[in-house]
Amino acid sequence: MKKTCCALIALLPLTAVAYPIELEKQFNGAEVSVTTQEVDHNMGALLLYNYGQTEAECKAVFRNGPEAPRTRKVLLAPGQSSNLTVKFSRSIIRLRVQLTCGLK
């Protein structure tokens, strides 16, 4: 019984409460795929991959409640991938991301 309780207590830190990510995307002709990621309780990320034949310029605006929005920009060459990460000072309850990409 003690071993079972110890095993359950050891697994507690591995269970994380995920927060919802609302992604609003506008590609404007760019061929980019997007994957959202929850990194930590106060960190979020986007994984971008350009599968087009031309460079794509992307800008992401991350919003978490009353905190100031954080903006990240990246220039993706054809076949290149990139992570856009953001860290807030408060725990994220709901992360809203506005992604705008266009051809360079």
PDB file of N, CA and C in Angstrom:
ATOM      1  N   MET A   1       0.823  -1.197   0.000  1.00  0.00           N
ATOM      2  CA  MET A   1       0.000   0.000   0.000  1.00  0.00           C
ATOM      3  C   MET A   1       0.864   1.256   0.000  1.00  0.00           C
ATOM      4  N   LYS A   2       1.937   1.242   0.792  1.00  0.00           N
ATOM      5  CA  LYS A   2       2.815   2.414   0.846  1.00  0.00           C
ATOM      6  C   LYS A   2       3.474   2.660  -0.505  1.00  0.00           C
ATOM      7  N   LYS A   3       3.850   1.581  -1.191  1.00  0.00           N
ATOM      8  CA  LYS A   3       4.492   1.726  -2.502  1.00  0.00           C
ATOM      9  C   LYS A   3       3.526   2.319  -3.513  1.00  0.00           C
ATOM     10  N   THR A   4       2.272   1.917  -3.454  1.00  0.00           N
ATOM     11  CA  THR A   4       1.271   2.448  -4.372  1.00  0.00           C
ATOM     12  C   THR A   4       1.050   3.936  -4.117  1.00  0.00           C
ATOM     13  N   CYS A   5       0.958   4.330  -2.874  1.00  0.00           N
ATOM     14  CA  CYS A   5       0.774   5.747  -2.537  1.00  0.00           C
ATOM     15  C   CYS A   5       1.976   6.578  -2.971  1.00  0.00           C
ATOM     16  N   CYS A   6       3.168   6.060  -2.746  1.00  0.00           N
ATOM     17  CA  CYS A   6       4.382   6.776  -3.156  1.00  0.00           C
ATOM     18  C   CYS A   6       4.432   6.937  -4.673  1.00  0.00           C
ATOM     19  N   ALA A   7       4.014   5.901  -5.399  1.00  0.00           N
ATOM     20  CA  ALA A   7       4.013   5.977  -6.854  1.00  0.00           C
ATOM     21  C   ALA A   7       3.010   7.019  -7.350  1.00  0.00           C
ATOM     22  N   LEU A   8       1.836   7.089  -6.740  1.00  0.00           N
ATOM     23  CA  LEU A   8       0.842   8.081  -7.128  1.00  0.00           C
ATOM     24  C   LEU A   8       1.307   9.505  -6.823  1.00  0.00           C
ATOM     25  N   ILE A   9       1.934   9.682  -5.694  1.00  0.00           N
ATOM     26  CA  ILE A   9       2.441  11.004  -5.324  1.00  0.00           C
ATOM     27  C   ILE A   9       3.569  11.421  -6.265  1.00  0.00           C
ATOM     28  N   ALA A  10       4.400  10.475  -6.676  1.00  0.00           N
ATOM     29  CA  ALA A  10       5.501  10.782  -7.594  1.00  0.00           C
ATOM     30  C   ALA A  10       4.999  11.194  -8.971  1.00  0.00           C
ATOM     31  N   LEU A  11       3.828  10.699  -9.370  1.00  0.00           N
ATOM     32  CA  LEU A  11       3.283  11.024 -10.685  1.00  0.00           C
ATOM     33  C   LEU A  11       2.542  12.356 -10.721  1.00  0.00           C
ATOM     34  N   LEU A  12       2.236  12.936  -9.585  1.00  0.00           N
ATOM     35  CA  LEU A  12       1.487  14.185  -9.548  1.00  0.00           C
ATOM     36  C   LEU A  12       2.134  15.322 -10.331  1.00  0.00           C
ATOM     37  N   PRO A  13       3.439  15.566 -10.216  1.00  0.00           N
ATOM     38  CA  PRO A  13       4.015  16.673 -10.984  1.00  0.00           C
ATOM     39  C   PRO A  13       3.950  16.460 -12.500  1.00  0.00           C
ATOM     40  N   LEU A  14       3.780  15.236 -12.955  1.00  0.00           N
ATOM     41  CA  LEU A  14       3.725  14.970 -14.381  1.00  0.00           C
ATOM     42  C   LEU A  14       2.376  15.334 -14.995  1.00  0.00           C
ATOM     43  N   THR A  15       1.355  15.454 -14.166  1.00  0.00           N
ATOM     44  CA  THR A  15       0.044  15.816 -14.679  1.00  0.00           C
ATOM     45  C   THR A  15      -0.065  17.333 -14.680  1.00  0.00           C
ATOM     46  N   ALA A  16      -0.255  17.903 -15.832  1.00  0.00           N
ATOM     47  CA  ALA A  16      -0.342  19.356 -15.956  1.00  0.00           C
ATOM     48  C   ALA A  16      -1.732  19.738 -16.451  1.00  0.00           C
ATOM     49  N   VAL A  17      -2.180  20.872 -15.992  1.00  0.00           N
ATOM     50  CA  VAL A  17      -3.463  21.389 -16.444  1.00  0.00           C
ATOM     51  C   VAL A  17      -3.191  22.255 -17.672  1.00  0.00           C
ATOM     52  N   ALA A  18      -3.703  21.848 -18.798  1.00  0.00           N
ATOM     53  CA  ALA A  18      -3.491  22.597 -20.037  1.00  0.00           C
ATOM     54  C   ALA A  18      -4.456  23.772 -20.111  1.00  0.00           C
ATOM     55  N   TYR A  19      -3.999  24.832 -20.702  1.00  0.00           N
ATOM     56  CA  TYR A  19      -4.845  26.004 -20.898  1.00  0.00           C
ATOM     57  C   TYR A  19      -5.231  26.079 -22.381  1.00  0.00           C
ATOM     58  N   PRO A  20      -6.380  26.652 -22.681  1.00  0.00           N
ATOM     59  CA  PRO A  20      -6.792  26.748 -24.089  1.00  0.00           C
ATOM     60  C   PRO A  20      -5.993  27.827 -24.826  1.00  0.00           C
ATOM     61  N   ILE A  21      -5.720  27.555 -26.094  1.00  0.00           N
ATOM     62  CA  ILE A  21      -5.045  28.521 -26.957  1.00  0.00           C
ATOM     63  C   ILE A  21      -5.975  28.823 -28.124  1.00  0.00           C
ATOM     64  N   GLU A  22      -6.341  30.086 -28.249  1.00  0.00           N
ATOM     65  CA  GLU A  22      -7.177  30.532 -29.363  1.00  0.00           C
ATOM     66  C   GLU A  22      -6.254  31.122 -30.418  1.00  0.00           C
ATOM     67  N   LEU A  23      -6.240  30.529 -31.609  1.00  0.00           N
ATOM     68  CA  LEU A  23      -5.361  30.960 -32.684  1.00  0.00           C
ATOM     69  C   LEU A  23      -6.178  31.557 -33.817  1.00  0.00           C
ATOM     70  N   GLU A  24      -5.905  32.818 -34.109  1.00  0.00           N
ATOM     71  CA  GLU A  24      -6.529  33.489 -35.250  1.00  0.00           C
ATOM     72  C   GLU A  24      -5.426  33.672 -36.286  1.00  0.00           C
ATOM     73  N   LYS A  25      -5.588  33.068 -37.468  1.00  0.00           N
ATOM     74  CA  LYS A  25      -4.505  33.099 -38.455  1.00  0.00           C
ATOM     75  C   LYS A  25      -4.963  33.693 -39.777  1.00  0.00           C
ATOM     76  N   GLN A  26      -4.035  34.398 -40.399  1.00  0.00           N
ATOM     77  CA  GLN A  26      -4.262  35.004 -41.705  1.00  0.00           C
ATOM     78  C   GLN A  26      -2.964  34.820 -42.493  1.00  0.00           C
ATOM     79  N   PHE A  27      -3.026  34.009 -43.580  1.00  0.00           N
ATOM     80  CA  PHE A  27      -1.803  33.633 -44.280  1.00  0.00           C
ATOM     81  C   PHE A  27      -1.471  34.502 -45.491  1.00  0.00           C
ATOM     82  N   ASN A  28      -2.409  35.163 -46.109  1.00  0.00           N
ATOM     83  CA  ASN A  28      -2.158  36.079 -47.228  1.00  0.00           C
ATOM     84  C   ASN A  28      -1.288  35.452 -48.324  1.00  0.00           C
ATOM     85  N   GLY A  29      -1.568  34.230 -48.697  1.00  0.00           N
ATOM     86  CA  GLY A  29      -0.836  33.564 -49.774  1.00  0.00           C
ATOM     87  C   GLY A  29       0.372  32.773 -49.332  1.00  0.00           C
ATOM     88  N   ALA A  30       0.812  32.919 -48.107  1.00  0.00           N
ATOM     89  CA  ALA A  30       1.959  32.158 -47.612  1.00  0.00           C
ATOM     90  C   ALA A  30       1.524  30.729 -47.301  1.00  0.00           C
ATOM     91  N   GLU A  31       2.407  29.782 -47.567  1.00  0.00           N
ATOM     92  CA  GLU A  31       2.115  28.377 -47.301  1.00  0.00           C
ATOM     93  C   GLU A  31       2.839  27.964 -46.023  1.00  0.00           C
ATOM     94  N   VAL A  32       2.201  28.231 -44.903  1.00  0.00           N
ATOM     95  CA  VAL A  32       2.802  28.016 -43.585  1.00  0.00           C
ATOM     96  C   VAL A  32       1.874  27.137 -42.764  1.00  0.00           C
ATOM     97  N   SER A  33       2.457  26.177 -42.050  1.00  0.00           N
ATOM     98  CA  SER A  33       1.664  25.382 -41.099  1.00  0.00           C
ATOM     99  C   SER A  33       2.008  25.842 -39.685  1.00  0.00           C
ATOM    100  N   VAL A  34       1.024  25.756 -38.800  1.00  0.00           N
ATOM    101  CA  VAL A  34       1.164  26.261 -37.435  1.00  0.00           C
ATOM    102  C   VAL A  34       0.738  25.186 -36.449  1.00  0.00           C
ATOM    103  N   THR A  35       1.529  25.019 -35.390  1.00  0.00           N
ATOM    104  CA  THR A  35       1.186  24.129 -34.289  1.00  0.00           C
ATOM    105  C   THR A  35       1.333  24.918 -32.993  1.00  0.00           C
ATOM    106  N   THR A  36       0.305  24.895 -32.143  1.00  0.00           N
ATOM    107  CA  THR A  36       0.378  25.582 -30.858  1.00  0.00           C
ATOM    108  C   THR A  36       0.976  24.646 -29.815  1.00  0.00           C
ATOM    109  N   GLN A  37       1.669  25.225 -28.839  1.00  0.00           N
ATOM    110  CA  GLN A  37       2.311  24.435 -27.790  1.00  0.00           C
ATOM    111  C   GLN A  37       2.167  25.127 -26.445  1.00  0.00           C
ATOM    112  N   GLU A  38       1.874  24.338 -25.411  1.00  0.00           N
ATOM    113  CA  GLU A  38       1.885  24.825 -24.039  1.00  0.00           C
ATOM    114  C   GLU A  38       3.195  24.391 -23.416  1.00  0.00           C
ATOM    115  N   VAL A  39       4.077  25.341 -23.135  1.00  0.00           N
ATOM    116  CA  VAL A  39       5.396  25.017 -22.617  1.00  0.00           C
ATOM    117  C   VAL A  39       5.376  24.896 -21.100  1.00  0.00           C
ATOM    118  N   ASP A  40       4.777  25.863 -20.438  1.00  0.00           N
ATOM    119  CA  ASP A  40       4.712  25.898 -18.980  1.00  0.00           C
ATOM    120  C   ASP A  40       3.468  26.663 -18.582  1.00  0.00           C
ATOM    121  N   HIS A  41       3.243  26.828 -17.282  1.00  0.00           N
ATOM    122  CA  HIS A  41       2.036  27.524 -16.823  1.00  0.00           C
ATOM    123  C   HIS A  41       2.018  28.985 -17.244  1.00  0.00           C
ATOM    124  N   ASN A  42       3.199  29.566 -17.547  1.00  0.00           N
ATOM    125  CA  ASN A  42       3.247  30.964 -17.965  1.00  0.00           C
ATOM    126  C   ASN A  42       3.958  31.155 -19.310  1.00  0.00           C
ATOM    127  N   MET A  43       4.155  30.060 -20.054  1.00  0.00           N
ATOM    128  CA  MET A  43       4.826  30.129 -21.352  1.00  0.00           C
ATOM    129  C   MET A  43       4.016  29.419 -22.430  1.00  0.00           C
ATOM    130  N   GLY A  44       3.985  30.009 -23.613  1.00  0.00           N
ATOM    131  CA  GLY A  44       3.326  29.403 -24.759  1.00  0.00           C
ATOM    132  C   GLY A  44       4.213  29.552 -25.981  1.00  0.00           C
ATOM    133  N   ALA A  45       3.919  28.766 -27.012  1.00  0.00           N
ATOM    134  CA  ALA A  45       4.752  28.813 -28.213  1.00  0.00           C
ATOM    135  C   ALA A  45       3.949  28.443 -29.447  1.00  0.00           C
ATOM    136  N   LEU A  46       4.447  28.889 -30.587  1.00  0.00           N
ATOM    137  CA  LEU A  46       3.942  28.482 -31.893  1.00  0.00           C
ATOM    138  C   LEU A  46       5.104  27.860 -32.658  1.00  0.00           C
ATOM    139  N   LEU A  47       4.863  26.738 -33.302  1.00  0.00           N
ATOM    140  CA  LEU A  47       5.841  26.128 -34.190  1.00  0.00           C
ATOM    141  C   LEU A  47       5.370  26.393 -35.609  1.00  0.00           C
ATOM    142  N   LEU A  48       6.175  27.124 -36.367  1.00  0.00           N
ATOM    143  CA  LEU A  48       5.835  27.493 -37.737  1.00  0.00           C
ATOM    144  C   LEU A  48       6.736  26.734 -38.703  1.00  0.00           C
ATOM    145  N   TYR A  49       6.162  26.291 -39.828  1.00  0.00           N
ATOM    146  CA  TYR A  49       6.930  25.621 -40.868  1.00  0.00           C
ATOM    147  C   TYR A  49       6.487  26.162 -42.222  1.00  0.00           C
ATOM    148  N   ASN A  50       7.447  26.618 -43.018  1.00  0.00           N
ATOM    149  CA  ASN A  50       7.166  27.158 -44.346  1.00  0.00           C
ATOM    150  C   ASN A  50       7.367  26.049 -45.373  1.00  0.00           C
ATOM    151  N   TYR A  51       6.292  25.539 -45.919  1.00  0.00           N
ATOM    152  CA  TYR A  51       6.403  24.500 -46.938  1.00  0.00           C
ATOM    153  C   TYR A  51       6.193  25.065 -48.337  1.00  0.00           C
ATOM    154  N   GLY A  52       6.237  26.364 -48.483  1.00  0.00           N
ATOM    155  CA  GLY A  52       6.113  27.014 -49.783  1.00  0.00           C
ATOM    156  C   GLY A  52       7.463  27.152 -50.473  1.00  0.00           C
ATOM    157  N   GLN A  53       7.444  27.756 -51.657  1.00  0.00           N
ATOM    158  CA  GLN A  53       8.658  27.935 -52.459  1.00  0.00           C
ATOM    159  C   GLN A  53       9.281  29.324 -52.292  1.00  0.00           C
ATOM    160  N   THR A  54       8.613  30.222 -51.559  1.00  0.00           N
ATOM    161  CA  THR A  54       9.138  31.570 -51.338  1.00  0.00           C
ATOM    162  C   THR A  54       9.218  31.855 -49.845  1.00  0.00           C
ATOM    163  N   GLU A  55       9.975  32.891 -49.497  1.00  0.00           N
ATOM    164  CA  GLU A  55      10.101  33.277 -48.091  1.00  0.00           C
ATOM    165  C   GLU A  55       8.766  33.782 -47.557  1.00  0.00           C
ATOM    166  N   ALA A  56       8.517  33.496 -46.306  1.00  0.00           N
ATOM    167  CA  ALA A  56       7.302  33.972 -45.642  1.00  0.00           C
ATOM    168  C   ALA A  56       7.700  34.798 -44.423  1.00  0.00           C
ATOM    169  N   GLU A  57       7.035  35.921 -44.264  1.00  0.00           N
ATOM    170  CA  GLU A  57       7.273  36.804 -43.125  1.00  0.00           C
ATOM    171  C   GLU A  57       6.068  36.684 -42.199  1.00  0.00           C
ATOM    172  N   CYS A  58       6.302  36.293 -40.940  1.00  0.00           N
ATOM    173  CA  CYS A  58       5.198  36.073 -40.002  1.00  0.00           C
ATOM    174  C   CYS A  58       5.352  36.942 -38.764  1.00  0.00           C
ATOM    175  N   LYS A  59       4.204  37.366 -38.238  1.00  0.00           N
ATOM    176  CA  LYS A  59       4.148  38.176 -37.018  1.00  0.00           C
ATOM    177  C   LYS A  59       3.057  37.588 -36.140  1.00  0.00           C
ATOM    178  N   ALA A  60       3.383  37.311 -34.881  1.00  0.00           N
ATOM    179  CA  ALA A  60       2.421  36.766 -33.929  1.00  0.00           C
ATOM    180  C   ALA A  60       2.284  37.716 -32.751  1.00  0.00           C
ATOM    181  N   VAL A  61       1.040  37.987 -32.372  1.00  0.00           N
ATOM    182  CA  VAL A  61       0.751  38.821 -31.207  1.00  0.00           C
ATOM    183  C   VAL A  61       0.096  37.910 -30.170  1.00  0.00           C
ATOM    184  N   PHE A  62       0.764  37.738 -29.027  1.00  0.00           N
ATOM    185  CA  PHE A  62       0.287  36.876 -27.946  1.00  0.00           C
ATOM    186  C   PHE A  62      -0.386  37.736 -26.884  1.00  0.00           C
ATOM    187  N   ARG A  63      -1.587  37.339 -26.459  1.00  0.00           N
ATOM    188  CA  ARG A  63      -2.323  38.076 -25.424  1.00  0.00           C
ATOM    189  C   ARG A  63      -2.732  37.133 -24.300  1.00  0.00           C
ATOM    190  N   ASN A  64      -2.495  37.565 -23.071  1.00  0.00           N
ATOM    191  CA  ASN A  64      -2.884  36.815 -21.887  1.00  0.00           C
ATOM    192  C   ASN A  64      -3.554  37.769 -20.913  1.00  0.00           C
ATOM    193  N   GLY A  65      -4.850  37.902 -21.026  1.00  0.00           N
ATOM    194  CA  GLY A  65      -5.616  38.712 -20.081  1.00  0.00           C
ATOM    195  C   GLY A  65      -5.162  40.157 -20.013  1.00  0.00           C
ATOM    196  N   PRO A  66      -4.965  40.676 -18.797  1.00  0.00           N
ATOM    197  CA  PRO A  66      -4.684  42.097 -18.635  1.00  0.00           C
ATOM    198  C   PRO A  66      -3.236  42.496 -18.943  1.00  0.00           C
ATOM    199  N   GLU A  67      -2.351  41.534 -19.176  1.00  0.00           N
ATOM    200  CA  GLU A  67      -0.959  41.878 -19.448  1.00  0.00           C
ATOM    201  C   GLU A  67      -0.808  42.490 -20.842  1.00  0.00           C
ATOM    202  N   ALA A  68       0.261  43.221 -21.026  1.00  0.00           N
ATOM    203  CA  ALA A  68       0.540  43.838 -22.328  1.00  0.00           C
ATOM    204  C   ALA A  68       0.790  42.753 -23.379  1.00  0.00           C
ATOM    205  N   PRO A  69       0.277  42.953 -24.595  1.00  0.00           N
ATOM    206  CA  PRO A  69       0.511  41.960 -25.652  1.00  0.00           C
ATOM    207  C   PRO A  69       1.994  41.863 -25.996  1.00  0.00           C
ATOM    208  N   ARG A  70       2.428  40.659 -26.339  1.00  0.00           N
ATOM    209  CA  ARG A  70       3.813  40.410 -26.737  1.00  0.00           C
ATOM    210  C   ARG A  70       3.823  40.085 -28.234  1.00  0.00           C
ATOM    211  N   THR A  71       4.713  40.714 -28.984  1.00  0.00           N
ATOM    212  CA  THR A  71       4.796  40.508 -30.427  1.00  0.00           C
ATOM    213  C   THR A  71       6.099  39.810 -30.774  1.00  0.00           C
ATOM    214  N   ARG A  72       6.008  38.804 -31.635  1.00  0.00           N
ATOM    215  CA  ARG A  72       7.182  38.078 -32.130  1.00  0.00           C
ATOM    216  C   ARG A  72       7.111  38.045 -33.649  1.00  0.00           C
ATOM    217  N   LYS A  73       8.275  38.235 -34.313  1.00  0.00           N
ATOM    218  CA  LYS A  73       8.340  38.229 -35.771  1.00  0.00           C
ATOM    219  C   LYS A  73       9.406  37.243 -36.222  1.00  0.00           C
ATOM    220  N   VAL A  74       9.182  36.659 -37.410  1.00  0.00           N
ATOM    221  CA  VAL A  74      10.164  35.727 -37.968  1.00  0.00           C
ATOM    222  C   VAL A  74      10.074  35.761 -39.486  1.00  0.00           C
ATOM    223  N   LEU A  75      11.216  35.557 -40.148  1.00  0.00           N
ATOM    224  CA  LEU A  75      11.288  35.428 -41.596  1.00  0.00           C
ATOM    225  C   LEU A  75      11.674  33.988 -41.887  1.00  0.00           C
ATOM    226  N   LEU A  76      10.772  33.255 -42.536  1.00  0.00           N
ATOM    227  CA  LEU A  76      10.977  31.835 -42.794  1.00  0.00           C
ATOM    228  C   LEU A  76      11.376  31.603 -44.246  1.00  0.00           C
ATOM    229  N   ALA A  77      12.540  30.991 -44.441  1.00  0.00           N
ATOM    230  CA  ALA A  77      12.964  30.588 -45.778  1.00  0.00           C
ATOM    231  C   ALA A  77      12.181  29.331 -46.173  1.00  0.00           C
ATOM    232  N   PRO A  78      12.129  29.004 -47.453  1.00  0.00           N
ATOM    233  CA  PRO A  78      11.421  27.778 -47.864  1.00  0.00           C
ATOM    234  C   PRO A  78      11.998  26.540 -47.169  1.00  0.00           C
ATOM    235  N   GLY A  79      11.117  25.728 -46.589  1.00  0.00           N
ATOM    236  CA  GLY A  79      11.530  24.518 -45.896  1.00  0.00           C
ATOM    237  C   GLY A  79      12.046  24.738 -44.487  1.00  0.00           C
ATOM    238  N   GLN A  80      12.024  25.950 -43.989  1.00  0.00           N
ATOM    239  CA  GLN A  80      12.542  26.262 -42.659  1.00  0.00           C
ATOM    240  C   GLN A  80      11.414  26.239 -41.629  1.00  0.00           C
ATOM    241  N   SER A  81      11.762  25.858 -40.397  1.00  0.00           N
ATOM    242  CA  SER A  81      10.802  25.922 -39.299  1.00  0.00           C
ATOM    243  C   SER A  81      11.367  26.812 -38.200  1.00  0.00           C
ATOM    244  N   SER A  82      10.480  27.319 -37.363  1.00  0.00           N
ATOM    245  CA  SER A  82      10.899  28.212 -36.288  1.00  0.00           C
ATOM    246  C   SER A  82       9.887  28.171 -35.152  1.00  0.00           C
ATOM    247  N   ASN A  83      10.371  28.388 -33.944  1.00  0.00           N
ATOM    248  CA  ASN A  83       9.513  28.501 -32.763  1.00  0.00           C
ATOM    249  C   ASN A  83       9.390  29.960 -32.372  1.00  0.00           C
ATOM    250  N   LEU A  84       8.191  30.393 -32.074  1.00  0.00           N
ATOM    251  CA  LEU A  84       7.949  31.706 -31.493  1.00  0.00           C
ATOM    252  C   LEU A  84       7.445  31.463 -30.083  1.00  0.00           C
ATOM    253  N   THR A  85       8.220  31.857 -29.088  1.00  0.00           N
ATOM    254  CA  THR A  85       7.838  31.605 -27.700  1.00  0.00           C
ATOM    255  C   THR A  85       7.589  32.921 -26.985  1.00  0.00           C
ATOM    256  N   VAL A  86       6.793  32.825 -25.944  1.00  0.00           N
ATOM    257  CA  VAL A  86       6.487  33.992 -25.131  1.00  0.00           C
ATOM    258  C   VAL A  86       6.342  33.547 -23.678  1.00  0.00           C
ATOM    259  N   LYS A  87       6.820  34.413 -22.775  1.00  0.00           N
ATOM    260  CA  LYS A  87       6.698  34.142 -21.344  1.00  0.00           C
ATOM    261  C   LYS A  87       6.012  35.332 -20.690  1.00  0.00           C
ATOM    262  N   PHE A  88       4.983  35.042 -19.923  1.00  0.00           N
ATOM    263  CA  PHE A  88       4.245  36.075 -19.201  1.00  0.00           C
ATOM    264  C   PHE A  88       4.610  36.029 -17.727  1.00  0.00           C
ATOM    265  N   SER A  89       4.338  37.106 -17.014  1.00  0.00           N
ATOM    266  CA  SER A  89       4.647  37.142 -15.585  1.00  0.00           C
ATOM    267  C   SER A  89       3.583  36.429 -14.748  1.00  0.00           C
ATOM    268  N   ARG A  90       2.394  36.251 -15.319  1.00  0.00           N
ATOM    269  CA  ARG A  90       1.312  35.546 -14.617  1.00  0.00           C
ATOM    270  C   ARG A  90       1.039  34.210 -15.290  1.00  0.00           C
ATOM    271  N   SER A  91       0.377  33.334 -14.576  1.00  0.00           N
ATOM    272  CA  SER A  91      -0.033  32.063 -15.173  1.00  0.00           C
ATOM    273  C   SER A  91      -1.060  32.328 -16.275  1.00  0.00           C
ATOM    274  N   ILE A  92      -0.968  31.538 -17.324  1.00  0.00           N
ATOM    275  CA  ILE A  92      -1.885  31.694 -18.456  1.00  0.00           C
ATOM    276  C   ILE A  92      -3.177  30.952 -18.163  1.00  0.00           C
ATOM    277  N   ILE A  93      -4.293  31.642 -18.307  1.00  0.00           N
ATOM    278  CA  ILE A  93      -5.602  31.009 -18.175  1.00  0.00           C
ATOM    279  C   ILE A  93      -6.128  30.689 -19.572  1.00  0.00           C
ATOM    280  N   ARG A  94      -6.039  31.650 -20.464  1.00  0.00           N
ATOM    281  CA  ARG A  94      -6.399  31.458 -21.873  1.00  0.00           C
ATOM    282  C   ARG A  94      -5.448  32.323 -22.694  1.00  0.00           C
ATOM    283  N   LEU A  95      -4.767  31.700 -23.648  1.00  0.00           N
ATOM    284  CA  LEU A  95      -3.823  32.411 -24.497  1.00  0.00           C
ATOM    285  C   LEU A  95      -4.474  32.683 -25.852  1.00  0.00           C
ATOM    286  N   ARG A  96      -4.454  33.947 -26.247  1.00  0.00           N
ATOM    287  CA  ARG A  96      -5.005  34.341 -27.551  1.00  0.00           C
ATOM    288  C   ARG A  96      -3.837  34.768 -28.435  1.00  0.00           C
ATOM    289  N   VAL A  97      -3.777  34.179 -29.628  1.00  0.00           N
ATOM    290  CA  VAL A  97      -2.684  34.472 -30.552  1.00  0.00           C
ATOM    291  C   VAL A  97      -3.251  34.909 -31.881  1.00  0.00           C
ATOM    292  N   GLN A  98      -2.771  36.035 -32.398  1.00  0.00           N
ATOM    293  CA  GLN A  98      -3.138  36.517 -33.720  1.00  0.00           C
ATOM    294  C   GLN A  98      -1.911  36.397 -34.607  1.00  0.00           C
ATOM    295  N   LEU A  99      -1.956  35.483 -35.574  1.00  0.00           N
ATOM    296  CA  LEU A  99      -0.832  35.209 -36.465  1.00  0.00           C
ATOM    297  C   LEU A  99      -1.142  35.756 -37.851  1.00  0.00           C
ATOM    298  N   THR A 100      -0.207  36.568 -38.375  1.00  0.00           N
ATOM    299  CA  THR A 100      -0.345  37.123 -39.716  1.00  0.00           C
ATOM    300  C   THR A 100       0.927  36.793 -40.492  1.00  0.00           C
ATOM    301  N   CYS A 101       0.778  36.096 -41.600  1.00  0.00           N
ATOM    302  CA  CYS A 101       1.914  35.737 -42.460  1.00  0.00           C
ATOM    303  C   CYS A 101       1.669  36.273 -43.861  1.00  0.00           C
ATOM    304  N   GLY A 102       2.743  36.542 -44.551  1.00  0.00           N
ATOM    305  CA  GLY A 102       2.655  37.014 -45.934  1.00  0.00           C
ATOM    306  C   GLY A 102       3.920  36.647 -46.687  1.00  0.00           C
ATOM    307  N   LEU A 103       3.847  36.745 -47.995  1.00  0.00           N
ATOM    308  CA  LEU A 103       5.010  36.454 -48.823  1.00  0.00           C
ATOM    309  C   LEU A 103       5.985  37.620 -48.759  1.00  0.00           C
ATOM    310  N   LYS A 104       7.237  37.324 -48.741  1.00  0.00           N
ATOM    311  CA  LYS A 104       8.278  38.350 -48.678  1.00  0.00           C
ATOM    312  C   LYS A 104       8.533  38.905 -50.050  1.00  0.00           C
TER     313      LYS A 104
END
